[in-house]
N, C-alpha and C. Protein backbone atom coordinates (compact mmCIF):
# COMPACT_ATOMS: atom_id res chain seq x y z
N MET A 1 0.69 -1.29 0.17
CA MET A 1 0.01 0.12 -0.18
C MET A 1 1.23 1.31 0.21
N LYS A 2 0.75 1.58 -0.86
CA LYS A 2 1.65 3.56 -1.14
C LYS A 2 0.87 4.58 -0.16
N LYS A 3 1.13 5.64 0.52
CA LYS A 3 1.12 6.31 1.20
C LYS A 3 0.89 7.87 0.19
N LEU A 4 -0.56 8.51 0.23
CA LEU A 4 -0.37 9.97 -0.66
C LEU A 4 -1.31 10.83 0.64
N ALA A 5 0.16 12.05 1.15
CA ALA A 5 -0.84 12.82 1.63
C ALA A 5 -0.89 14.41 1.02
N VAL A 6 -1.95 14.44 0.84
CA VAL A 6 -2.78 16.22 0.78
C VAL A 6 -2.98 16.84 1.74
N ILE A 7 -1.47 18.30 1.56
CA ILE A 7 -1.27 18.81 2.85
C ILE A 7 -1.59 20.37 1.75
N TYR A 8 -2.74 21.03 3.08
CA TYR A 8 -3.13 22.29 2.45
C TYR A 8 -3.05 23.37 3.62
N HIS A 9 -3.26 24.44 3.53
CA HIS A 9 -3.81 25.16 4.06
C HIS A 9 -4.92 25.98 3.33
N SER A 10 -6.22 26.32 4.61
CA SER A 10 -7.65 26.97 4.05
C SER A 10 -8.10 27.82 4.68
N VAL A 11 -8.00 29.15 4.28
CA VAL A 11 -8.68 30.38 5.37
C VAL A 11 -10.27 29.67 5.61
N ASN A 12 -10.76 29.85 4.21
CA ASN A 12 -12.21 30.05 3.70
C ASN A 12 -13.17 28.91 3.51
N GLY A 13 -12.30 27.90 3.27
CA GLY A 13 -12.73 26.77 3.16
C GLY A 13 -12.78 25.97 1.36
N HIS A 14 -12.45 26.95 0.49
CA HIS A 14 -11.70 27.18 -1.17
C HIS A 14 -11.17 26.03 -1.17
N THR A 15 -9.68 25.91 -0.39
CA THR A 15 -8.57 24.93 -1.00
C THR A 15 -9.04 23.93 -0.13
N GLU A 16 -9.59 23.71 0.98
CA GLU A 16 -10.01 22.38 1.82
C GLU A 16 -11.05 21.62 1.15
N GLN A 17 -12.21 22.36 -0.11
CA GLN A 17 -12.85 21.70 -0.28
C GLN A 17 -12.15 20.59 -2.23
N ILE A 18 -11.03 21.92 -2.46
CA ILE A 18 -10.19 21.08 -3.74
C ILE A 18 -9.40 19.93 -3.09
N ALA A 19 -8.84 19.99 -1.48
CA ALA A 19 -8.34 18.96 -0.92
C ALA A 19 -9.09 17.65 -1.02
N GLY A 20 -10.21 18.27 -0.53
CA GLY A 20 -11.38 16.68 -0.67
C GLY A 20 -11.68 16.12 -1.95
N HIS A 21 -11.52 16.86 -3.00
CA HIS A 21 -11.96 16.07 -4.27
C HIS A 21 -10.57 15.80 -4.53
N ILE A 22 -9.43 16.11 -4.33
CA ILE A 22 -8.22 15.92 -4.58
C ILE A 22 -8.48 14.43 -4.23
N ALA A 23 -8.44 14.15 -2.94
CA ALA A 23 -8.32 13.02 -2.28
C ALA A 23 -9.29 11.88 -2.57
N SER A 24 -10.69 12.41 -2.50
CA SER A 24 -11.65 11.27 -3.07
C SER A 24 -11.19 10.49 -4.66
N GLY A 25 -10.69 11.87 -5.42
CA GLY A 25 -10.10 11.23 -6.92
C GLY A 25 -9.01 9.97 -6.72
N ALA A 26 -7.99 10.17 -5.74
CA ALA A 26 -6.58 9.96 -5.61
C ALA A 26 -7.57 8.20 -5.05
N ARG A 27 -8.18 8.29 -4.26
CA ARG A 27 -9.09 6.87 -3.36
C ARG A 27 -9.54 6.16 -4.81
N GLU A 28 -9.61 6.39 -5.76
CA GLU A 28 -9.71 6.00 -6.79
C GLU A 28 -9.34 4.19 -7.39
N THR A 29 -8.14 5.02 -6.70
CA THR A 29 -7.02 3.87 -7.30
C THR A 29 -6.73 3.28 -6.06
N SER A 30 -6.64 1.80 -6.20
CA SER A 30 -6.10 0.41 -5.17
C SER A 30 -4.84 0.56 -4.78
N ASP A 31 -4.97 0.64 -3.93
CA ASP A 31 -3.47 0.19 -3.65
C ASP A 31 -3.13 1.85 -2.66
N VAL A 32 -3.61 2.68 -3.01
CA VAL A 32 -3.23 4.06 -2.12
C VAL A 32 -4.00 4.27 -1.29
N ASP A 33 -3.14 4.79 -0.09
CA ASP A 33 -4.38 5.35 1.68
C ASP A 33 -3.83 6.85 1.23
N VAL A 34 -4.52 7.82 1.28
CA VAL A 34 -4.45 8.81 1.43
C VAL A 34 -4.85 9.96 2.24
N THR A 35 -4.41 10.44 2.77
CA THR A 35 -4.78 10.80 4.10
C THR A 35 -4.46 12.43 3.75
N LEU A 36 -5.41 14.03 4.00
CA LEU A 36 -5.37 15.25 4.45
C LEU A 36 -4.95 15.63 5.29
N LEU A 37 -3.55 16.35 5.12
CA LEU A 37 -3.64 17.01 6.61
C LEU A 37 -3.09 18.33 5.92
N LYS A 38 -3.38 19.19 7.36
CA LYS A 38 -3.48 20.61 7.10
C LYS A 38 -2.02 21.10 7.65
N ALA A 39 -1.48 22.11 6.77
CA ALA A 39 -0.31 22.50 6.76
C ALA A 39 -0.02 22.65 8.21
N GLU A 40 -0.71 23.82 8.96
CA GLU A 40 -1.02 24.28 9.97
C GLU A 40 -0.72 23.60 11.37
N GLY A 41 0.53 23.64 12.00
CA GLY A 41 1.24 22.92 12.72
C GLY A 41 1.78 21.29 12.38
N LEU A 42 2.30 20.83 11.09
CA LEU A 42 2.21 19.60 10.84
C LEU A 42 3.60 19.79 11.29
N VAL A 43 3.96 18.64 11.61
CA VAL A 43 5.27 17.86 12.20
C VAL A 43 6.19 17.53 10.96
N PRO A 44 7.57 18.04 10.47
CA PRO A 44 8.05 17.61 9.59
C PRO A 44 8.45 16.35 9.31
N GLN A 45 8.59 15.66 10.56
CA GLN A 45 9.16 14.08 10.44
C GLN A 45 8.16 13.00 9.97
N ASP A 46 7.04 14.13 10.08
CA ASP A 46 5.58 13.07 9.97
C ASP A 46 5.45 12.76 8.40
N LEU A 47 6.45 13.72 7.71
CA LEU A 47 5.82 13.53 5.90
C LEU A 47 6.90 12.11 5.60
N LEU A 48 7.89 11.52 6.83
CA LEU A 48 8.92 10.48 6.29
C LEU A 48 8.18 9.04 6.11
N ALA A 49 7.05 9.25 6.50
CA ALA A 49 5.34 7.76 6.65
C ALA A 49 4.76 7.97 4.88
N TYR A 50 5.25 9.10 4.20
CA TYR A 50 4.15 9.02 2.92
C TYR A 50 5.58 9.30 1.70
N ASP A 51 4.86 8.73 0.74
CA ASP A 51 5.44 8.29 -0.69
C ASP A 51 5.31 9.44 -1.42
N ALA A 52 3.43 10.31 -1.69
CA ALA A 52 4.09 11.08 -2.07
C ALA A 52 2.75 12.35 -1.72
N PHE A 53 2.70 13.34 -2.15
CA PHE A 53 2.53 15.02 -1.62
C PHE A 53 1.70 15.35 -2.51
N VAL A 54 0.69 15.76 -2.03
CA VAL A 54 -0.01 17.09 -3.17
C VAL A 54 0.27 17.78 -2.76
N PHE A 55 0.69 19.67 -2.53
CA PHE A 55 0.72 20.32 -1.75
C PHE A 55 -0.23 21.86 -1.96
N GLY A 56 -1.23 22.45 -1.32
CA GLY A 56 -1.99 22.99 -2.20
C GLY A 56 -2.13 24.46 -1.12
N SER A 57 -2.87 25.24 -1.69
CA SER A 57 -2.50 26.72 -0.93
C SER A 57 -3.51 27.98 -1.81
N PRO A 58 -3.66 28.40 -1.08
CA PRO A 58 -4.63 29.60 -1.52
C PRO A 58 -3.60 30.38 -2.15
N THR A 59 -3.63 31.46 -3.15
CA THR A 59 -2.88 32.13 -3.84
C THR A 59 -3.00 33.31 -2.28
N TYR A 60 -1.77 34.20 -2.49
CA TYR A 60 -2.29 35.73 -1.91
C TYR A 60 -1.00 36.33 -2.18
N LEU A 61 -1.38 37.34 -2.82
CA LEU A 61 -0.45 38.00 -3.44
C LEU A 61 0.66 37.85 -4.00
N GLY A 62 0.38 36.63 -4.94
CA GLY A 62 1.27 36.36 -6.19
C GLY A 62 2.30 34.70 -5.95
N GLY A 63 1.57 34.43 -4.05
CA GLY A 63 2.47 33.63 -3.75
C GLY A 63 1.40 32.50 -2.61
N VAL A 64 2.05 31.23 -2.24
CA VAL A 64 1.52 30.71 -1.21
C VAL A 64 1.51 31.60 0.12
N SER A 65 0.45 31.23 1.05
CA SER A 65 -0.47 32.03 2.04
C SER A 65 0.88 31.67 2.95
N GLY A 66 1.03 32.89 4.41
CA GLY A 66 1.69 32.40 5.14
C GLY A 66 1.95 31.60 5.72
N VAL A 67 0.78 31.03 6.51
CA VAL A 67 0.89 29.53 6.72
C VAL A 67 1.94 28.46 5.99
N PHE A 68 1.06 28.28 5.19
CA PHE A 68 2.18 27.03 3.96
C PHE A 68 3.08 27.64 4.27
N LYS A 69 3.88 28.71 3.75
CA LYS A 69 5.12 28.96 3.86
C LYS A 69 5.91 28.68 4.56
N SER A 70 5.72 28.91 5.92
CA SER A 70 6.02 28.49 7.39
C SER A 70 5.68 26.82 7.23
N PHE A 71 5.12 26.54 6.72
CA PHE A 71 4.86 24.66 6.49
C PHE A 71 6.56 24.22 5.84
N MET A 72 6.47 24.94 4.31
CA MET A 72 7.60 24.90 3.31
C MET A 72 9.35 24.49 4.45
N ASP A 73 9.42 26.39 5.03
CA ASP A 73 10.25 26.30 6.25
C ASP A 73 10.92 25.56 6.70
N SER A 74 9.75 24.74 7.56
CA SER A 74 9.84 23.98 8.30
C SER A 74 10.46 23.03 8.22
N THR A 75 10.81 22.57 7.11
CA THR A 75 11.64 21.01 6.44
C THR A 75 12.91 21.91 6.08
N GLY A 76 13.44 22.58 6.29
CA GLY A 76 15.19 23.26 5.84
C GLY A 76 15.40 22.23 6.82
N GLY A 77 15.32 21.32 7.60
CA GLY A 77 16.33 20.10 8.09
C GLY A 77 16.59 18.96 7.50
N MET A 78 14.77 18.43 6.61
CA MET A 78 15.81 17.44 6.27
C MET A 78 15.55 17.50 4.61
N TRP A 79 15.74 19.28 3.98
CA TRP A 79 16.06 19.27 2.88
C TRP A 79 18.09 18.95 3.18
N LYS A 80 18.27 19.36 4.21
CA LYS A 80 20.10 19.08 4.58
C LYS A 80 20.28 17.72 4.74
N ARG A 81 19.33 16.80 5.00
CA ARG A 81 19.64 15.40 4.59
C ARG A 81 18.85 15.01 4.05
N GLN A 82 18.31 15.82 2.97
CA GLN A 82 17.71 14.87 1.48
C GLN A 82 16.78 13.99 1.51
N GLN A 83 16.01 14.43 2.73
CA GLN A 83 14.97 12.78 3.73
C GLN A 83 13.62 12.72 2.78
N LEU A 84 13.51 13.69 1.89
CA LEU A 84 12.17 13.57 1.12
C LEU A 84 12.29 13.45 -0.56
N LYS A 85 13.87 12.79 -1.29
CA LYS A 85 14.68 13.05 -2.15
C LYS A 85 13.53 11.58 -2.75
N GLY A 86 13.39 11.47 -4.02
CA GLY A 86 12.74 10.78 -4.97
C GLY A 86 10.97 10.72 -4.60
N LYS A 87 10.43 11.03 -3.58
CA LYS A 87 9.68 11.26 -3.62
C LYS A 87 8.44 11.66 -4.44
N LEU A 88 7.06 11.58 -4.85
CA LEU A 88 5.97 12.15 -5.50
C LEU A 88 5.94 13.22 -5.45
N ALA A 89 6.01 14.96 -6.10
CA ALA A 89 5.12 15.68 -5.20
C ALA A 89 4.00 16.38 -6.51
N ALA A 90 2.96 17.54 -6.43
CA ALA A 90 2.03 17.84 -7.10
C ALA A 90 1.69 19.29 -6.70
N GLY A 91 0.88 19.80 -7.05
CA GLY A 91 0.55 21.26 -6.22
C GLY A 91 -0.99 21.90 -6.91
N PHE A 92 -1.89 22.49 -5.56
CA PHE A 92 -2.39 23.42 -6.74
C PHE A 92 -3.25 24.20 -5.99
N THR A 93 -3.22 24.85 -6.23
CA THR A 93 -4.04 26.61 -5.79
C THR A 93 -4.96 27.05 -5.92
N VAL A 94 -5.95 27.95 -5.30
CA VAL A 94 -7.13 28.80 -5.74
C VAL A 94 -6.46 30.01 -5.24
N SER A 95 -7.72 30.69 -6.65
CA SER A 95 -7.25 32.27 -6.07
C SER A 95 -9.26 32.90 -6.63
N ALA A 96 -9.58 33.84 -5.63
CA ALA A 96 -10.85 34.34 -6.70
C ALA A 96 -10.65 34.69 -8.13
N LEU A 97 -9.59 35.12 -8.38
CA LEU A 97 -10.04 35.50 -10.09
C LEU A 97 -9.29 34.39 -11.11
N PRO A 98 -10.09 34.65 -11.66
CA PRO A 98 -9.11 33.28 -13.02
C PRO A 98 -7.25 33.43 -13.09
N SER A 99 -7.09 34.61 -13.09
CA SER A 99 -5.25 34.42 -13.48
C SER A 99 -5.34 34.33 -11.96
N GLY A 100 -5.38 35.64 -11.18
CA GLY A 100 -4.82 35.81 -9.77
C GLY A 100 -3.16 35.80 -9.56
N ASP A 101 -2.71 35.26 -10.20
CA ASP A 101 -1.13 34.72 -10.30
C ASP A 101 -0.90 33.55 -9.39
N LYS A 102 -1.88 32.43 -10.13
CA LYS A 102 -1.78 31.62 -9.15
C LYS A 102 -0.56 30.58 -9.72
N GLN A 103 -0.25 31.04 -11.34
CA GLN A 103 1.24 30.23 -12.05
C GLN A 103 2.21 30.53 -10.81
N SER A 104 2.73 31.80 -10.08
CA SER A 104 3.33 31.89 -9.09
C SER A 104 3.53 31.16 -7.96
N THR A 105 2.22 30.61 -7.32
CA THR A 105 1.79 30.02 -6.33
C THR A 105 2.33 28.44 -6.53
N LEU A 106 2.13 27.88 -7.71
CA LEU A 106 2.36 26.58 -7.68
C LEU A 106 4.09 26.37 -8.60
N LEU A 107 4.58 27.48 -8.96
CA LEU A 107 5.80 27.54 -9.20
C LEU A 107 7.14 27.57 -8.03
N SER A 108 6.17 27.99 -6.82
CA SER A 108 7.18 28.39 -5.49
C SER A 108 7.04 26.92 -5.11
N MET A 109 5.54 26.15 -5.41
CA MET A 109 5.48 24.62 -4.81
C MET A 109 6.53 23.13 -5.46
N PHE A 110 6.82 23.96 -6.86
CA PHE A 110 7.06 22.92 -7.36
C PHE A 110 9.25 23.56 -7.25
N VAL A 111 9.56 24.44 -7.15
CA VAL A 111 10.93 24.83 -6.43
C VAL A 111 11.08 24.27 -5.31
N PHE A 112 10.14 24.17 -4.71
CA PHE A 112 10.39 23.39 -3.40
C PHE A 112 10.32 21.73 -3.40
N ALA A 113 9.76 21.44 -4.25
CA ALA A 113 9.80 19.91 -4.28
C ALA A 113 11.07 20.12 -5.08
N MET A 114 11.27 20.53 -5.96
CA MET A 114 12.84 19.95 -6.51
C MET A 114 13.79 20.76 -5.33
N GLN A 115 13.57 21.38 -4.37
CA GLN A 115 14.81 21.24 -3.69
C GLN A 115 14.93 20.38 -2.92
N HIS A 116 14.02 19.31 -2.85
CA HIS A 116 13.98 18.40 -1.79
C HIS A 116 14.20 17.31 -2.86
N GLY A 117 14.19 17.59 -3.94
CA GLY A 117 14.81 16.28 -4.62
C GLY A 117 13.61 15.35 -5.44
N MET A 118 12.59 15.70 -5.08
CA MET A 118 10.77 15.40 -4.96
C MET A 118 10.78 15.22 -6.63
N VAL A 119 10.52 13.71 -7.12
CA VAL A 119 9.99 14.26 -8.64
C VAL A 119 8.38 14.57 -8.75
N TRP A 120 8.28 16.02 -9.68
CA TRP A 120 7.18 16.13 -9.50
C TRP A 120 5.96 16.04 -11.01
N VAL A 121 4.70 16.37 -10.65
CA VAL A 121 3.67 15.34 -11.79
C VAL A 121 2.87 16.49 -12.05
N GLY A 122 2.56 17.19 -13.26
CA GLY A 122 1.76 17.91 -13.40
C GLY A 122 0.31 17.35 -13.51
N ASN A 123 -0.30 18.72 -14.51
CA ASN A 123 -1.48 18.54 -14.62
C ASN A 123 -2.09 17.87 -16.03
N ALA A 124 -2.19 17.04 -15.82
CA ALA A 124 -2.37 16.10 -17.82
C ALA A 124 -3.62 16.02 -18.07
N ILE A 125 -4.40 16.87 -18.20
CA ILE A 125 -5.79 16.88 -18.42
C ILE A 125 -5.55 18.18 -19.04
N LEU A 126 -6.41 17.53 -20.39
CA LEU A 126 -6.59 18.52 -21.33
C LEU A 126 -8.04 19.47 -20.71
N PRO A 127 -8.12 20.70 -20.97
CA PRO A 127 -8.79 21.53 -21.29
C PRO A 127 -10.32 20.99 -22.29
N GLU A 128 -10.95 20.93 -21.35
CA GLU A 128 -12.57 20.09 -22.32
C GLU A 128 -13.12 21.36 -23.17
N GLN A 129 -13.19 22.80 -22.69
CA GLN A 129 -14.33 23.79 -23.39
C GLN A 129 -13.67 23.75 -24.52
N HIS A 130 -12.64 22.80 -24.78
CA HIS A 130 -12.38 23.34 -26.46
C HIS A 130 -13.16 22.00 -27.10
N SER A 131 -13.18 20.99 -26.71
CA SER A 131 -14.39 19.92 -27.39
C SER A 131 -15.74 20.38 -26.96
N GLY A 132 -15.86 21.34 -26.53
CA GLY A 132 -17.66 21.75 -26.51
C GLY A 132 -18.35 21.98 -25.41
N VAL A 133 -17.26 21.31 -23.90
CA VAL A 133 -18.16 21.48 -22.79
C VAL A 133 -18.14 22.67 -22.17
N PRO A 134 -18.97 23.67 -21.48
CA PRO A 134 -19.45 24.64 -21.06
C PRO A 134 -18.05 24.57 -20.40
N TYR A 135 -17.91 25.87 -20.37
CA TYR A 135 -16.84 26.35 -20.03
C TYR A 135 -16.80 25.90 -18.40
N GLU A 136 -17.90 26.66 -17.88
CA GLU A 136 -18.20 26.52 -16.31
C GLU A 136 -18.02 24.67 -15.48
N GLU A 137 -18.34 24.12 -16.77
CA GLU A 137 -18.03 22.91 -16.49
C GLU A 137 -17.23 21.63 -16.94
N ALA A 138 -16.30 22.65 -17.71
CA ALA A 138 -14.87 21.83 -18.04
C ALA A 138 -13.78 21.39 -17.38
N ALA A 139 -13.47 20.34 -17.54
CA ALA A 139 -12.07 20.13 -17.00
C ALA A 139 -10.73 21.12 -17.38
N ASN A 140 -10.33 21.59 -16.11
CA ASN A 140 -8.63 22.28 -16.78
C ASN A 140 -9.48 22.97 -17.37
N ARG A 141 -10.32 23.84 -17.15
CA ARG A 141 -10.99 25.00 -17.60
C ARG A 141 -10.13 26.66 -17.66
N LEU A 142 -8.90 26.43 -16.81
CA LEU A 142 -7.92 27.43 -16.69
C LEU A 142 -6.62 26.96 -17.31
N GLY A 143 -6.88 26.26 -17.71
CA GLY A 143 -5.59 25.83 -18.46
C GLY A 143 -4.04 25.43 -18.11
N SER A 144 -4.17 24.99 -16.84
CA SER A 144 -2.95 24.57 -16.41
C SER A 144 -2.38 23.68 -16.43
N TRP A 145 -0.81 23.71 -16.68
CA TRP A 145 -0.41 22.17 -17.30
C TRP A 145 0.66 21.84 -15.54
N SER A 146 0.81 23.39 -15.11
CA SER A 146 2.14 22.77 -14.16
C SER A 146 1.64 22.08 -12.65
N GLY A 147 0.16 22.56 -12.59
CA GLY A 147 -0.36 22.25 -11.33
C GLY A 147 -1.82 22.23 -11.45
N LEU A 148 -2.48 22.07 -10.69
CA LEU A 148 -4.24 22.40 -10.73
C LEU A 148 -4.57 23.62 -10.31
N MET A 149 -5.46 24.81 -11.06
CA MET A 149 -5.76 25.73 -10.77
C MET A 149 -7.10 25.50 -10.52
N ALA A 150 -7.55 26.44 -9.35
CA ALA A 150 -9.19 26.65 -9.22
C ALA A 150 -9.07 28.00 -8.99
N GLN A 151 -10.93 28.54 -9.36
CA GLN A 151 -11.06 29.46 -9.15
C GLN A 151 -12.73 30.06 -8.22
N ALA A 152 -12.25 30.23 -7.22
CA ALA A 152 -13.34 30.61 -5.77
C ALA A 152 -14.04 31.87 -5.93
N GLY A 153 -14.92 31.95 -5.83
CA GLY A 153 -15.94 33.31 -5.72
C GLY A 153 -15.09 34.32 -4.72
N HIS A 154 -16.14 35.09 -3.89
CA HIS A 154 -15.67 36.44 -3.11
C HIS A 154 -16.29 35.92 -2.19
N THR A 155 -16.90 34.64 -1.84
CA THR A 155 -17.90 35.01 -0.88
C THR A 155 -16.77 33.67 0.56
N LEU A 156 -17.49 33.76 2.04
CA LEU A 156 -16.38 33.73 2.85
C LEU A 156 -16.29 31.88 3.27
N ASN A 157 -17.27 31.23 2.47
CA ASN A 157 -17.33 30.43 2.32
C ASN A 157 -17.31 28.47 0.92
N GLY A 158 -16.79 27.73 1.16
CA GLY A 158 -16.52 26.92 0.16
C GLY A 158 -17.51 26.38 -0.91
N ASP A 159 -18.49 26.90 -0.94
CA ASP A 159 -19.74 26.97 -2.28
C ASP A 159 -19.60 27.51 -3.29
N THR A 160 -18.51 27.87 -3.22
CA THR A 160 -18.81 28.96 -4.98
C THR A 160 -17.46 28.48 -6.24
N LEU A 161 -17.46 27.00 -5.83
CA LEU A 161 -16.48 26.58 -6.41
C LEU A 161 -17.32 25.33 -7.94
N VAL A 162 -16.36 26.21 -8.94
CA VAL A 162 -17.49 25.75 -10.38
C VAL A 162 -17.09 24.52 -10.67
N PRO A 163 -18.83 23.45 -11.19
CA PRO A 163 -17.98 22.47 -11.37
C PRO A 163 -16.71 21.85 -12.34
N GLY A 164 -16.50 22.36 -13.04
CA GLY A 164 -15.63 22.30 -13.84
C GLY A 164 -14.33 21.86 -13.00
N ASP A 165 -14.32 22.77 -12.18
CA ASP A 165 -12.80 22.47 -11.24
C ASP A 165 -12.81 21.73 -10.16
N ILE A 166 -14.20 21.02 -9.92
CA ILE A 166 -14.52 20.29 -8.98
C ILE A 166 -14.10 19.09 -9.55
N LYS A 167 -14.51 18.66 -10.84
CA LYS A 167 -14.38 17.50 -11.73
C LYS A 167 -12.43 17.60 -12.14
N THR A 168 -11.95 18.26 -12.08
CA THR A 168 -10.73 18.75 -12.64
C THR A 168 -9.73 17.95 -11.09
N ALA A 169 -10.38 18.70 -10.19
CA ALA A 169 -9.69 18.33 -8.94
C ALA A 169 -10.04 16.85 -8.59
N ILE A 170 -10.70 15.80 -9.02
CA ILE A 170 -11.20 14.89 -9.21
C ILE A 170 -10.09 14.09 -9.66
N MET A 171 -10.16 14.21 -10.91
CA MET A 171 -8.98 13.89 -12.20
C MET A 171 -7.81 14.07 -11.57
N PHE A 172 -7.58 15.26 -11.14
CA PHE A 172 -6.02 15.40 -10.72
C PHE A 172 -5.69 14.29 -9.65
N GLY A 173 -6.75 14.14 -8.83
CA GLY A 173 -5.94 13.51 -7.56
C GLY A 173 -6.00 12.12 -8.43
N ALA A 174 -6.81 11.47 -9.10
CA ALA A 174 -6.75 10.11 -9.77
C ALA A 174 -5.27 10.40 -10.70
N ASN A 175 -5.30 11.18 -10.97
CA ASN A 175 -3.84 10.74 -11.95
C ASN A 175 -2.91 10.83 -11.13
N ILE A 176 -2.57 12.11 -9.42
CA ILE A 176 -1.60 11.55 -8.82
C ILE A 176 -1.07 10.22 -8.37
N ALA A 177 -2.20 9.66 -8.13
CA ALA A 177 -2.14 8.26 -8.00
C ALA A 177 -2.40 7.02 -8.53
N GLU A 178 -2.66 7.34 -9.88
CA GLU A 178 -1.86 6.19 -10.81
C GLU A 178 -0.37 6.88 -11.27
N ALA A 179 -0.09 8.08 -11.49
CA ALA A 179 1.74 8.08 -11.00
C ALA A 179 1.86 7.19 -9.76
N LEU A 180 1.38 7.59 -9.10
CA LEU A 180 2.43 6.92 -8.06
C LEU A 180 2.82 5.24 -7.90
N MET A 181 1.56 4.91 -8.67
CA MET A 181 1.29 3.33 -8.68
C MET A 181 2.63 2.88 -10.08
N ARG A 182 2.66 4.11 -10.97
CA ARG A 182 3.20 3.51 -12.16
C ARG A 182 5.03 3.69 -11.81
N MET A 183 4.93 4.69 -11.03
CA MET A 183 6.30 5.01 -10.59
C MET A 183 7.03 3.70 -9.83
N THR A 184 6.39 3.06 -8.83
CA THR A 184 6.60 2.09 -8.16
C THR A 184 6.45 0.96 -8.79
N SER A 185 5.69 0.40 -9.97
CA SER A 185 5.62 -0.53 -10.50
C SER A 185 6.85 -0.81 -11.44
N GLN A 186 7.59 0.05 -12.02
CA GLN A 186 8.86 0.58 -12.28
C GLN A 186 9.92 0.17 -11.64
N GLU A 187 9.93 1.02 -10.17
CA GLU A 187 11.02 0.35 -9.16
C GLU A 187 11.24 -1.44 -9.39
N VAL A 188 9.99 -1.55 -9.15
CA VAL A 188 9.99 -3.15 -9.09
C VAL A 188 10.63 -3.67 -10.17
N THR A 189 9.88 -3.55 -11.00
CA THR A 189 10.43 -4.17 -12.42
C THR A 189 12.56 -3.67 -12.61
N GLN A 190 12.63 -2.57 -12.05
CA GLN A 190 13.96 -2.45 -12.22
C GLN A 190 15.30 -2.92 -11.69
């Protein structure tokens, strides 16, 4: 059984909702145990129990939230020992606007994963609106390849996500879990 952790920070519930849908999609793959973990208060050594991570943060002023940055910074000692080297990683972010500078948030997660020697898995979902699916129902409607991007409305609860972003989150989670299993099967055969 492989272990996947979805590590996230959420203030208004939007990022937490996407994290839950990612976990749901990942759980569709047998032999993958999925755990949702809040970034605040996470003990870095707890990461050693997992084979893969999906990092999630709202985009604040073009980057990860302060809480998520504190989590990343807390792993400095692990970086020195390269304790996360070879583990799978992916990322997602949510902002109120279609762009919202979400790409820079994903890039900070990518650089974090690369510095730890992790293997990054992007978003392999083709935007469905090009095949006639209505924009708000389309998977990967925001067209992100480096990770999952979602857009939330300007409310203080998590009920403003569009169906396409929820669909994308489920598909994204399934893709990460499948990549983890493929990586594992290649390790066995080599």
